[in-house]
Amino acid sequence: MRVLLRKIAFYLVTAWAAISLNFLIPRIMPGNPADNLINQFHGKLTPAAAQALRVRSAGRTRACGSSM
């Protein structure tokens, strides 16, 4: 029983850490998320698609370290 409880505790801590990292990493990245996506697909997006990404991510632009 003790081994089972240790495994469950380990999995809970691991899940919490993974979820926390998935939440924090995109928020501490500098720049605009839309620009990062557009740069990934350079030459594959139409100007209209690039503009749609920028409009959709409006309000999410902030510098690294700024308050939320």
PDB file of N, CA and C in Angstrom:
ATOM      1  N   MET A   1       0.828  -1.190   0.000  1.00  0.00           N
ATOM      2  CA  MET A   1       0.000   0.000   0.000  1.00  0.00           C
ATOM      3  C   MET A   1       0.874   1.257   0.000  1.00  0.00           C
ATOM      4  N   ARG A   2       1.963   1.201   0.747  1.00  0.00           N
ATOM      5  CA  ARG A   2       2.853   2.344   0.846  1.00  0.00           C
ATOM      6  C   ARG A   2       3.480   2.674  -0.513  1.00  0.00           C
ATOM      7  N   VAL A   3       3.850   1.634  -1.273  1.00  0.00           N
ATOM      8  CA  VAL A   3       4.448   1.832  -2.592  1.00  0.00           C
ATOM      9  C   VAL A   3       3.441   2.479  -3.532  1.00  0.00           C
ATOM     10  N   LEU A   4       2.211   2.039  -3.463  1.00  0.00           N
ATOM     11  CA  LEU A   4       1.160   2.601  -4.309  1.00  0.00           C
ATOM     12  C   LEU A   4       0.941   4.080  -4.002  1.00  0.00           C
ATOM     13  N   LEU A   5       0.927   4.439  -2.732  1.00  0.00           N
ATOM     14  CA  LEU A   5       0.753   5.844  -2.354  1.00  0.00           C
ATOM     15  C   LEU A   5       1.932   6.700  -2.821  1.00  0.00           C
ATOM     16  N   ARG A   6       3.140   6.151  -2.734  1.00  0.00           N
ATOM     17  CA  ARG A   6       4.319   6.891  -3.214  1.00  0.00           C
ATOM     18  C   ARG A   6       4.245   7.114  -4.714  1.00  0.00           C
ATOM     19  N   LYS A   7       3.802   6.101  -5.463  1.00  0.00           N
ATOM     20  CA  LYS A   7       3.676   6.238  -6.909  1.00  0.00           C
ATOM     21  C   LYS A   7       2.611   7.275  -7.273  1.00  0.00           C
ATOM     22  N   ILE A   8       1.504   7.235  -6.595  1.00  0.00           N
ATOM     23  CA  ILE A   8       0.433   8.207  -6.856  1.00  0.00           C
ATOM     24  C   ILE A   8       0.919   9.618  -6.549  1.00  0.00           C
ATOM     25  N   ALA A   9       1.608   9.787  -5.442  1.00  0.00           N
ATOM     26  CA  ALA A   9       2.145  11.110  -5.099  1.00  0.00           C
ATOM     27  C   ALA A   9       3.148  11.577  -6.149  1.00  0.00           C
ATOM     28  N   PHE A  10       4.004  10.680  -6.600  1.00  0.00           N
ATOM     29  CA  PHE A  10       4.982  11.034  -7.631  1.00  0.00           C
ATOM     30  C   PHE A  10       4.278  11.471  -8.909  1.00  0.00           C
ATOM     31  N   TYR A  11       3.258  10.731  -9.348  1.00  0.00           N
ATOM     32  CA  TYR A  11       2.536  11.076 -10.566  1.00  0.00           C
ATOM     33  C   TYR A  11       1.793  12.398 -10.421  1.00  0.00           C
ATOM     34  N   LEU A  12       1.249  12.668  -9.265  1.00  0.00           N
ATOM     35  CA  LEU A  12       0.561  13.948  -9.053  1.00  0.00           C
ATOM     36  C   LEU A  12       1.537  15.124  -9.119  1.00  0.00           C
ATOM     37  N   VAL A  13       2.693  14.977  -8.500  1.00  0.00           N
ATOM     38  CA  VAL A  13       3.703  16.040  -8.532  1.00  0.00           C
ATOM     39  C   VAL A  13       4.210  16.236  -9.959  1.00  0.00           C
ATOM     40  N   THR A  14       4.430  15.144 -10.671  1.00  0.00           N
ATOM     41  CA  THR A  14       4.897  15.234 -12.056  1.00  0.00           C
ATOM     42  C   THR A  14       3.851  15.900 -12.942  1.00  0.00           C
ATOM     43  N   ALA A  15       2.595  15.540 -12.790  1.00  0.00           N
ATOM     44  CA  ALA A  15       1.521  16.155 -13.571  1.00  0.00           C
ATOM     45  C   ALA A  15       1.426  17.651 -13.264  1.00  0.00           C
ATOM     46  N   TRP A  16       1.516  18.009 -11.983  1.00  0.00           N
ATOM     47  CA  TRP A  16       1.460  19.426 -11.612  1.00  0.00           C
ATOM     48  C   TRP A  16       2.615  20.200 -12.253  1.00  0.00           C
ATOM     49  N   ALA A  17       3.815  19.632 -12.227  1.00  0.00           N
ATOM     50  CA  ALA A  17       4.978  20.310 -12.810  1.00  0.00           C
ATOM     51  C   ALA A  17       4.812  20.473 -14.322  1.00  0.00           C
ATOM     52  N   ALA A  18       4.348  19.440 -14.997  1.00  0.00           N
ATOM     53  CA  ALA A  18       4.172  19.517 -16.450  1.00  0.00           C
ATOM     54  C   ALA A  18       3.114  20.550 -16.821  1.00  0.00           C
ATOM     55  N   ILE A  19       2.007  20.558 -16.121  1.00  0.00           N
ATOM     56  CA  ILE A  19       0.939  21.522 -16.400  1.00  0.00           C
ATOM     57  C   ILE A  19       1.419  22.943 -16.110  1.00  0.00           C
ATOM     58  N   SER A  20       2.150  23.123 -15.018  1.00  0.00           N
ATOM     59  CA  SER A  20       2.665  24.453 -14.676  1.00  0.00           C
ATOM     60  C   SER A  20       3.633  24.963 -15.738  1.00  0.00           C
ATOM     61  N   LEU A  21       4.517  24.106 -16.208  1.00  0.00           N
ATOM     62  CA  LEU A  21       5.463  24.521 -17.253  1.00  0.00           C
ATOM     63  C   LEU A  21       4.735  24.851 -18.552  1.00  0.00           C
ATOM     64  N   ASN A  22       3.743  24.041 -18.911  1.00  0.00           N
ATOM     65  CA  ASN A  22       2.979  24.319 -20.121  1.00  0.00           C
ATOM     66  C   ASN A  22       2.213  25.632 -20.019  1.00  0.00           C
ATOM     67  N   PHE A  23       1.856  26.026 -18.828  1.00  0.00           N
ATOM     68  CA  PHE A  23       1.165  27.297 -18.634  1.00  0.00           C
ATOM     69  C   PHE A  23       2.152  28.468 -18.637  1.00  0.00           C
ATOM     70  N   LEU A  24       3.293  28.309 -17.976  1.00  0.00           N
ATOM     71  CA  LEU A  24       4.217  29.425 -17.777  1.00  0.00           C
ATOM     72  C   LEU A  24       5.107  29.733 -18.975  1.00  0.00           C
ATOM     73  N   ILE A  25       5.607  28.738 -19.652  1.00  0.00           N
ATOM     74  CA  ILE A  25       6.583  28.979 -20.720  1.00  0.00           C
ATOM     75  C   ILE A  25       6.048  29.912 -21.806  1.00  0.00           C
ATOM     76  N   PRO A  26       4.844  29.697 -22.347  1.00  0.00           N
ATOM     77  CA  PRO A  26       4.362  30.641 -23.369  1.00  0.00           C
ATOM     78  C   PRO A  26       4.165  32.062 -22.840  1.00  0.00           C
ATOM     79  N   ARG A  27       3.888  32.191 -21.559  1.00  0.00           N
ATOM     80  CA  ARG A  27       3.634  33.519 -21.004  1.00  0.00           C
ATOM     81  C   ARG A  27       4.909  34.300 -20.706  1.00  0.00           C
ATOM     82  N   ILE A  28       6.030  33.634 -20.552  1.00  0.00           N
ATOM     83  CA  ILE A  28       7.267  34.359 -20.285  1.00  0.00           C
ATOM     84  C   ILE A  28       8.100  34.560 -21.543  1.00  0.00           C
ATOM     85  N   MET A  29       7.641  33.993 -22.673  1.00  0.00           N
ATOM     86  CA  MET A  29       8.361  34.198 -23.925  1.00  0.00           C
ATOM     87  C   MET A  29       8.185  35.649 -24.372  1.00  0.00           C
ATOM     88  N   PRO A  30       9.264  36.286 -24.806  1.00  0.00           N
ATOM     89  CA  PRO A  30       9.142  37.670 -25.253  1.00  0.00           C
ATOM     90  C   PRO A  30       8.447  37.749 -26.618  1.00  0.00           C
ATOM     91  N   GLY A  31       7.837  38.889 -26.867  1.00  0.00           N
ATOM     92  CA  GLY A  31       7.263  39.133 -28.186  1.00  0.00           C
ATOM     93  C   GLY A  31       5.818  38.714 -28.314  1.00  0.00           C
ATOM     94  N   ASN A  32       5.352  38.819 -29.544  1.00  0.00           N
ATOM     95  CA  ASN A  32       3.974  38.529 -29.876  1.00  0.00           C
ATOM     96  C   ASN A  32       3.866  37.079 -30.343  1.00  0.00           C
ATOM     97  N   PRO A  33       2.943  36.295 -29.787  1.00  0.00           N
ATOM     98  CA  PRO A  33       2.797  34.908 -30.212  1.00  0.00           C
ATOM     99  C   PRO A  33       2.465  34.772 -31.696  1.00  0.00           C
ATOM    100  N   ALA A  34       1.710  35.725 -32.232  1.00  0.00           N
ATOM    101  CA  ALA A  34       1.355  35.672 -33.654  1.00  0.00           C
ATOM    102  C   ALA A  34       2.603  35.819 -34.521  1.00  0.00           C
ATOM    103  N   ASP A  35       3.503  36.711 -34.147  1.00  0.00           N
ATOM    104  CA  ASP A  35       4.734  36.875 -34.930  1.00  0.00           C
ATOM    105  C   ASP A  35       5.592  35.616 -34.890  1.00  0.00           C
ATOM    106  N   ASN A  36       5.608  34.940 -33.753  1.00  0.00           N
ATOM    107  CA  ASN A  36       6.357  33.683 -33.660  1.00  0.00           C
ATOM    108  C   ASN A  36       5.775  32.636 -34.606  1.00  0.00           C
ATOM    109  N   LEU A  37       4.446  32.538 -34.656  1.00  0.00           N
ATOM    110  CA  LEU A  37       3.803  31.592 -35.564  1.00  0.00           C
ATOM    111  C   LEU A  37       4.050  31.953 -37.022  1.00  0.00           C
ATOM    112  N   ILE A  38       3.947  33.230 -37.333  1.00  0.00           N
ATOM    113  CA  ILE A  38       4.157  33.688 -38.706  1.00  0.00           C
ATOM    114  C   ILE A  38       5.581  33.386 -39.146  1.00  0.00           C
ATOM    115  N   ASN A  39       6.546  33.583 -38.258  1.00  0.00           N
ATOM    116  CA  ASN A  39       7.942  33.271 -38.595  1.00  0.00           C
ATOM    117  C   ASN A  39       8.154  31.776 -38.819  1.00  0.00           C
ATOM    118  N   GLN A  40       7.426  30.942 -38.093  1.00  0.00           N
ATOM    119  CA  GLN A  40       7.544  29.496 -38.283  1.00  0.00           C
ATOM    120  C   GLN A  40       7.070  29.084 -39.672  1.00  0.00           C
ATOM    121  N   PHE A  41       6.035  29.736 -40.160  1.00  0.00           N
ATOM    122  CA  PHE A  41       5.440  29.378 -41.445  1.00  0.00           C
ATOM    123  C   PHE A  41       5.811  30.393 -42.517  1.00  0.00           C
ATOM    124  N   HIS A  42       7.008  30.917 -42.457  1.00  0.00           N
ATOM    125  CA  HIS A  42       7.468  31.924 -43.406  1.00  0.00           C
ATOM    126  C   HIS A  42       7.333  31.413 -44.840  1.00  0.00           C
ATOM    127  N   GLY A  43       6.626  32.186 -45.660  1.00  0.00           N
ATOM    128  CA  GLY A  43       6.447  31.830 -47.059  1.00  0.00           C
ATOM    129  C   GLY A  43       5.277  30.902 -47.309  1.00  0.00           C
ATOM    130  N   LYS A  44       4.665  30.370 -46.268  1.00  0.00           N
ATOM    131  CA  LYS A  44       3.551  29.443 -46.443  1.00  0.00           C
ATOM    132  C   LYS A  44       2.209  30.079 -46.127  1.00  0.00           C
ATOM    133  N   LEU A  45       2.226  31.248 -45.502  1.00  0.00           N
ATOM    134  CA  LEU A  45       0.986  31.937 -45.154  1.00  0.00           C
ATOM    135  C   LEU A  45       0.726  33.080 -46.126  1.00  0.00           C
ATOM    136  N   THR A  46      -0.536  33.268 -46.453  1.00  0.00           N
ATOM    137  CA  THR A  46      -0.905  34.428 -47.264  1.00  0.00           C
ATOM    138  C   THR A  46      -0.890  35.655 -46.360  1.00  0.00           C
ATOM    139  N   PRO A  47      -0.766  36.836 -46.943  1.00  0.00           N
ATOM    140  CA  PRO A  47      -0.816  38.047 -46.108  1.00  0.00           C
ATOM    141  C   PRO A  47      -2.118  38.153 -45.309  1.00  0.00           C
ATOM    142  N   ALA A  48      -3.214  37.694 -45.882  1.00  0.00           N
ATOM    143  CA  ALA A  48      -4.493  37.746 -45.166  1.00  0.00           C
ATOM    144  C   ALA A  48      -4.472  36.816 -43.949  1.00  0.00           C
ATOM    145  N   ALA A  49      -3.875  35.646 -44.093  1.00  0.00           N
ATOM    146  CA  ALA A  49      -3.786  34.708 -42.968  1.00  0.00           C
ATOM    147  C   ALA A  49      -2.880  35.270 -41.874  1.00  0.00           C
ATOM    148  N   ALA A  50      -1.784  35.900 -42.278  1.00  0.00           N
ATOM    149  CA  ALA A  50      -0.877  36.500 -41.297  1.00  0.00           C
ATOM    150  C   ALA A  50      -1.581  37.621 -40.543  1.00  0.00           C
ATOM    151  N   GLN A  51      -2.335  38.436 -41.251  1.00  0.00           N
ATOM    152  CA  GLN A  51      -3.073  39.528 -40.600  1.00  0.00           C
ATOM    153  C   GLN A  51      -4.137  38.964 -39.658  1.00  0.00           C
ATOM    154  N   ALA A  52      -4.798  37.889 -40.064  1.00  0.00           N
ATOM    155  CA  ALA A  52      -5.810  37.269 -39.202  1.00  0.00           C
ATOM    156  C   ALA A  52      -5.183  36.762 -37.906  1.00  0.00           C
ATOM    157  N   LEU A  53      -3.989  36.203 -37.981  1.00  0.00           N
ATOM    158  CA  LEU A  53      -3.298  35.765 -36.760  1.00  0.00           C
ATOM    159  C   LEU A  53      -2.966  36.951 -35.867  1.00  0.00           C
ATOM    160  N   ARG A  54      -2.528  38.041 -36.472  1.00  0.00           N
ATOM    161  CA  ARG A  54      -2.200  39.226 -35.664  1.00  0.00           C
ATOM    162  C   ARG A  54      -3.440  39.790 -34.981  1.00  0.00           C
ATOM    163  N   VAL A  55      -4.563  39.833 -35.712  1.00  0.00           N
ATOM    164  CA  VAL A  55      -5.801  40.360 -35.131  1.00  0.00           C
ATOM    165  C   VAL A  55      -6.285  39.442 -34.004  1.00  0.00           C
ATOM    166  N   ARG A  56      -6.186  38.149 -34.239  1.00  0.00           N
ATOM    167  CA  ARG A  56      -6.654  37.184 -33.237  1.00  0.00           C
ATOM    168  C   ARG A  56      -5.841  37.247 -31.943  1.00  0.00           C
ATOM    169  N   SER A  57      -4.564  37.570 -32.062  1.00  0.00           N
ATOM    170  CA  SER A  57      -3.732  37.628 -30.864  1.00  0.00           C
ATOM    171  C   SER A  57      -3.595  39.046 -30.320  1.00  0.00           C
ATOM    172  N   ALA A  58      -4.403  39.959 -30.800  1.00  0.00           N
ATOM    173  CA  ALA A  58      -4.347  41.349 -30.313  1.00  0.00           C
ATOM    174  C   ALA A  58      -4.587  41.375 -28.812  1.00  0.00           C
ATOM    175  N   GLY A  59      -3.823  42.182 -28.130  1.00  0.00           N
ATOM    176  CA  GLY A  59      -3.953  42.280 -26.677  1.00  0.00           C
ATOM    177  C   GLY A  59      -3.074  41.316 -25.928  1.00  0.00           C
ATOM    178  N   ARG A  60      -2.389  40.439 -26.632  1.00  0.00           N
ATOM    179  CA  ARG A  60      -1.506  39.482 -25.970  1.00  0.00           C
ATOM    180  C   ARG A  60      -0.064  39.882 -26.101  1.00  0.00           C
ATOM    181  N   THR A  61       0.216  41.031 -26.674  1.00  0.00           N
ATOM    182  CA  THR A  61       1.589  41.477 -26.867  1.00  0.00           C
ATOM    183  C   THR A  61       2.102  42.071 -25.564  1.00  0.00           C
ATOM    184  N   ARG A  62       3.264  41.616 -25.141  1.00  0.00           N
ATOM    185  CA  ARG A  62       3.902  42.189 -23.959  1.00  0.00           C
ATOM    186  C   ARG A  62       5.372  41.803 -23.980  1.00  0.00           C
ATOM    187  N   ALA A  63       6.143  42.603 -23.340  1.00  0.00           N
ATOM    188  CA  ALA A  63       7.574  42.325 -23.255  1.00  0.00           C
ATOM    189  C   ALA A  63       7.824  41.339 -22.123  1.00  0.00           C
ATOM    190  N   CYS A  64       8.913  40.667 -22.192  1.00  0.00           N
ATOM    191  CA  CYS A  64       9.300  39.709 -21.159  1.00  0.00           C
ATOM    192  C   CYS A  64       9.469  40.433 -19.827  1.00  0.00           C
ATOM    193  N   GLY A  65       8.815  39.929 -18.811  1.00  0.00           N
ATOM    194  CA  GLY A  65       8.965  40.519 -17.498  1.00  0.00           C
ATOM    195  C   GLY A  65       7.922  41.567 -17.171  1.00  0.00           C
ATOM    196  N   SER A  66       7.049  41.912 -18.132  1.00  0.00           N
ATOM    197  CA  SER A  66       6.038  42.915 -17.841  1.00  0.00           C
ATOM    198  C   SER A  66       4.904  42.277 -17.053  1.00  0.00           C
ATOM    199  N   SER A  67       4.154  43.098 -16.369  1.00  0.00           N
ATOM    200  CA  SER A  67       3.061  42.561 -15.569  1.00  0.00           C
ATOM    201  C   SER A  67       1.910  42.151 -16.458  1.00  0.00           C
ATOM    202  N   MET A  68       1.123  41.185 -15.960  1.00  0.00           N
ATOM    203  CA  MET A  68      -0.003  40.657 -16.747  1.00  0.00           C
ATOM    204  C   MET A  68      -1.273  41.386 -16.424  1.00  0.00           C
TER     205      MET A  68
END
